[in-house]
C-alpha atoms as a PDB file:
ATOM      1  CA  MET A   1      -5.149   2.764  14.410  1.00  0.00           C
ATOM      2  CA  ARG A   2      -1.734   2.475  12.406  1.00  0.00           C
ATOM      3  CA  VAL A   3       1.120   2.697  14.552  1.00  0.00           C
ATOM      4  CA  ASN A   4       4.616   3.419  12.856  1.00  0.00           C
ATOM      5  CA  ILE A   5       7.671   1.184  13.964  1.00  0.00           C
ATOM      6  CA  THR A   6      11.314   1.487  13.401  1.00  0.00           C
ATOM      7  CA  TYR A   7      14.121  -0.635  12.516  1.00  0.00           C
ATOM      8  CA  SER A   8      17.319  -0.841  10.952  1.00  0.00           C
ATOM      9  CA  VAL A   9      18.929  -2.703   8.132  1.00  0.00           C
ATOM     10  CA  LYS A  10      22.719  -2.990   6.331  1.00  0.00           C
ATOM     11  CA  GLU A  11      22.497  -0.762   3.830  1.00  0.00           C
ATOM     12  CA  GLU A  12      22.341  -3.524   1.242  1.00  0.00           C
ATOM     13  CA  ASP A  13      19.347  -5.395   3.257  1.00  0.00           C
ATOM     14  CA  LEU A  14      17.644  -1.707   2.507  1.00  0.00           C
ATOM     15  CA  LEU A  15      16.815  -2.463  -1.343  1.00  0.00           C
ATOM     16  CA  PRO A  16      15.515  -6.246  -0.810  1.00  0.00           C
ATOM     17  CA  GLU A  17      13.645  -5.277   2.875  1.00  0.00           C
ATOM     18  CA  LEU A  18      12.033  -2.642   0.390  1.00  0.00           C
ATOM     19  CA  GLY A  19      10.775  -5.736  -1.961  1.00  0.00           C
ATOM     20  CA  LYS A  20       9.485  -7.367   1.244  1.00  0.00           C
ATOM     21  CA  LEU A  21       7.642  -4.542   1.928  1.00  0.00           C
ATOM     22  CA  VAL A  22       5.797  -4.425  -1.515  1.00  0.00           C
ATOM     23  CA  THR A  23       5.471  -8.173  -1.796  1.00  0.00           C
ATOM     24  CA  ASN A  24       3.443  -7.646   1.589  1.00  0.00           C
ATOM     25  CA  LEU A  25       1.221  -5.992  -0.243  1.00  0.00           C
ATOM     26  CA  LYS A  26      -0.502  -8.475  -2.169  1.00  0.00           C
ATOM     27  CA  GLU A  27      -2.781  -9.453  -0.387  1.00  0.00           C
ATOM     28  CA  ASP A  28      -4.483  -6.339   0.030  1.00  0.00           C
ATOM     29  CA  LEU A  29      -3.980  -5.884  -3.443  1.00  0.00           C
ATOM     30  CA  GLU A  30      -6.229  -8.812  -3.926  1.00  0.00           C
ATOM     31  CA  GLN A  31      -8.591  -7.839  -1.468  1.00  0.00           C
ATOM     32  CA  CYS A  32      -8.934  -4.575  -3.150  1.00  0.00           C
ATOM     33  CA  VAL A  33      -9.371  -6.873  -6.674  1.00  0.00           C
ATOM     34  CA  VAL A  34     -12.345  -9.000  -5.852  1.00  0.00           C
ATOM     35  CA  LEU A  35     -14.268  -6.122  -4.179  1.00  0.00           C
ATOM     36  CA  TYR A  36     -13.676  -4.138  -7.472  1.00  0.00           C
ATOM     37  CA  ASN A  37     -14.217  -6.857  -9.490  1.00  0.00           C
ATOM     38  CA  ASN A  38     -17.955  -7.670  -7.126  1.00  0.00           C
ATOM     39  CA  LEU A  39     -18.808  -4.214  -6.167  1.00  0.00           C
ATOM     40  CA  PRO A  40     -20.287  -3.527 -10.001  1.00  0.00           C
ATOM     41  CA  ALA A  41     -22.867  -6.458  -9.347  1.00  0.00           C
ATOM     42  CA  GLN A  42     -23.463  -5.370  -5.809  1.00  0.00           C
ATOM     43  CA  LEU A  43     -24.761  -2.267  -6.868  1.00  0.00           C
ATOM     44  CA  GLN A  44     -26.768  -3.108 -10.115  1.00  0.00           C
ATOM     45  CA  GLN A  45     -29.282  -5.219  -7.120  1.00  0.00           C
ATOM     46  CA  GLY A  46     -30.184  -1.400  -6.803  1.00  0.00           C
ATOM     47  CA  GLU A  47     -31.919  -0.398  -3.262  1.00  0.00           C
ATOM     48  CA  PRO A  48     -31.723  -4.178  -1.859  1.00  0.00           C
ATOM     49  CA  GLY A  49     -27.794  -4.303  -2.381  1.00  0.00           C
ATOM     50  CA  LEU A  50     -27.274  -0.693  -0.699  1.00  0.00           C
ATOM     51  CA  ASP A  51     -25.813  -1.255   2.643  1.00  0.00           C
ATOM     52  CA  THR A  52     -23.467  -4.067   1.178  1.00  0.00           C
ATOM     53  CA  ALA A  53     -22.547  -2.211  -1.733  1.00  0.00           C
ATOM     54  CA  LEU A  54     -21.880   0.966   0.565  1.00  0.00           C
ATOM     55  CA  GLU A  55     -19.610  -1.353   3.009  1.00  0.00           C
ATOM     56  CA  MET A  56     -17.510  -3.247  -0.199  1.00  0.00           C
ATOM     57  CA  LEU A  57     -17.016   0.244  -1.192  1.00  0.00           C
ATOM     58  CA  ARG A  58     -15.332   1.585   1.833  1.00  0.00           C
ATOM     59  CA  GLU A  59     -13.326  -2.068   2.503  1.00  0.00           C
ATOM     60  CA  PHE A  60     -12.173  -0.937  -1.239  1.00  0.00           C
ATOM     61  CA  LYS A  61     -10.757   2.587  -0.511  1.00  0.00           C
ATOM     62  CA  GLU A  62      -9.518   1.460   2.953  1.00  0.00           C
ATOM     63  CA  GLY A  63      -7.251  -1.778   0.774  1.00  0.00           C
ATOM     64  CA  LEU A  64      -6.203   1.272  -1.567  1.00  0.00           C
ATOM     65  CA  LYS A  65      -4.966   3.463   1.585  1.00  0.00           C
ATOM     66  CA  THR A  66      -3.166   0.938   2.856  1.00  0.00           C
ATOM     67  CA  VAL A  67      -1.619   0.516  -0.261  1.00  0.00           C
ATOM     68  CA  ASP A  68      -0.698   4.041  -1.185  1.00  0.00           C
ATOM     69  CA  ILE A  69       0.561   4.397   2.544  1.00  0.00           C
ATOM     70  CA  ARG A  70       3.128   1.583   1.858  1.00  0.00           C
ATOM     71  CA  LEU A  71       4.408   2.601  -1.324  1.00  0.00           C
ATOM     72  CA  ASN A  72       4.909   6.676  -0.156  1.00  0.00           C
ATOM     73  CA  GLU A  73       6.551   4.880   2.433  1.00  0.00           C
ATOM     74  CA  VAL A  74       8.925   2.758   0.223  1.00  0.00           C
ATOM     75  CA  GLU A  75       9.114   5.865  -2.170  1.00  0.00           C
ATOM     76  CA  GLY A  76      10.499   7.705   0.250  1.00  0.00           C
ATOM     77  CA  PHE A  77      13.505   5.677   1.139  1.00  0.00           C
ATOM     78  CA  LEU A  78      14.156   5.199  -2.587  1.00  0.00           C
ATOM     79  CA  GLU A  79      14.050   8.642  -2.952  1.00  0.00           C
ATOM     80  CA  ASN A  80      16.554   9.238   0.030  1.00  0.00           C
ATOM     81  CA  VAL A  81      18.623   6.106  -1.346  1.00  0.00           C
ATOM     82  CA  ARG A  82      18.701   7.883  -4.814  1.00  0.00           C
ATOM     83  CA  HIS A  83      20.120  11.284  -3.466  1.00  0.00           C
ATOM     84  CA  ARG A  84      22.559   9.549  -0.896  1.00  0.00           C
ATOM     85  CA  ARG A  85      24.219   8.052  -4.531  1.00  0.00           C
ATOM     86  CA  THR A  86      24.124  11.015  -6.515  1.00  0.00           C
ATOM     87  CA  ASN A  87      25.831  13.145  -3.143  1.00  0.00           C
ATOM     88  CA  PRO A  88      28.080  10.997  -2.055  1.00  0.00           C
ATOM     89  CA  GLY A  89      29.553  13.455  -0.090  1.00  0.00           C
ATOM     90  CA  GLY A  90      26.554  15.442   1.556  1.00  0.00           C
ATOM     91  CA  PRO A  91      23.821  14.848   4.490  1.00  0.00           C
ATOM     92  CA  LYS A  92      22.168  11.064   4.534  1.00  0.00           C
END
């Protein structure tokens, strides 16, 4: 299950904080690469490897989903920063 959390940072700390969020994806991405590299061999086993291959595929998809969600969050913050910089007098 995923939950949303909210906290504030100084404006000048926003980009470094976003960098931390991206850096924290490293472990998820590394696990995705391991699954990506091992899944074809599991599929080559045919029927005996079916259950393991299916579980690996599901883990791979879940990892990609986690990465995608986090990158979408970071993208939203970056779009907001860009908008504020190009429209300094507009709504925040």
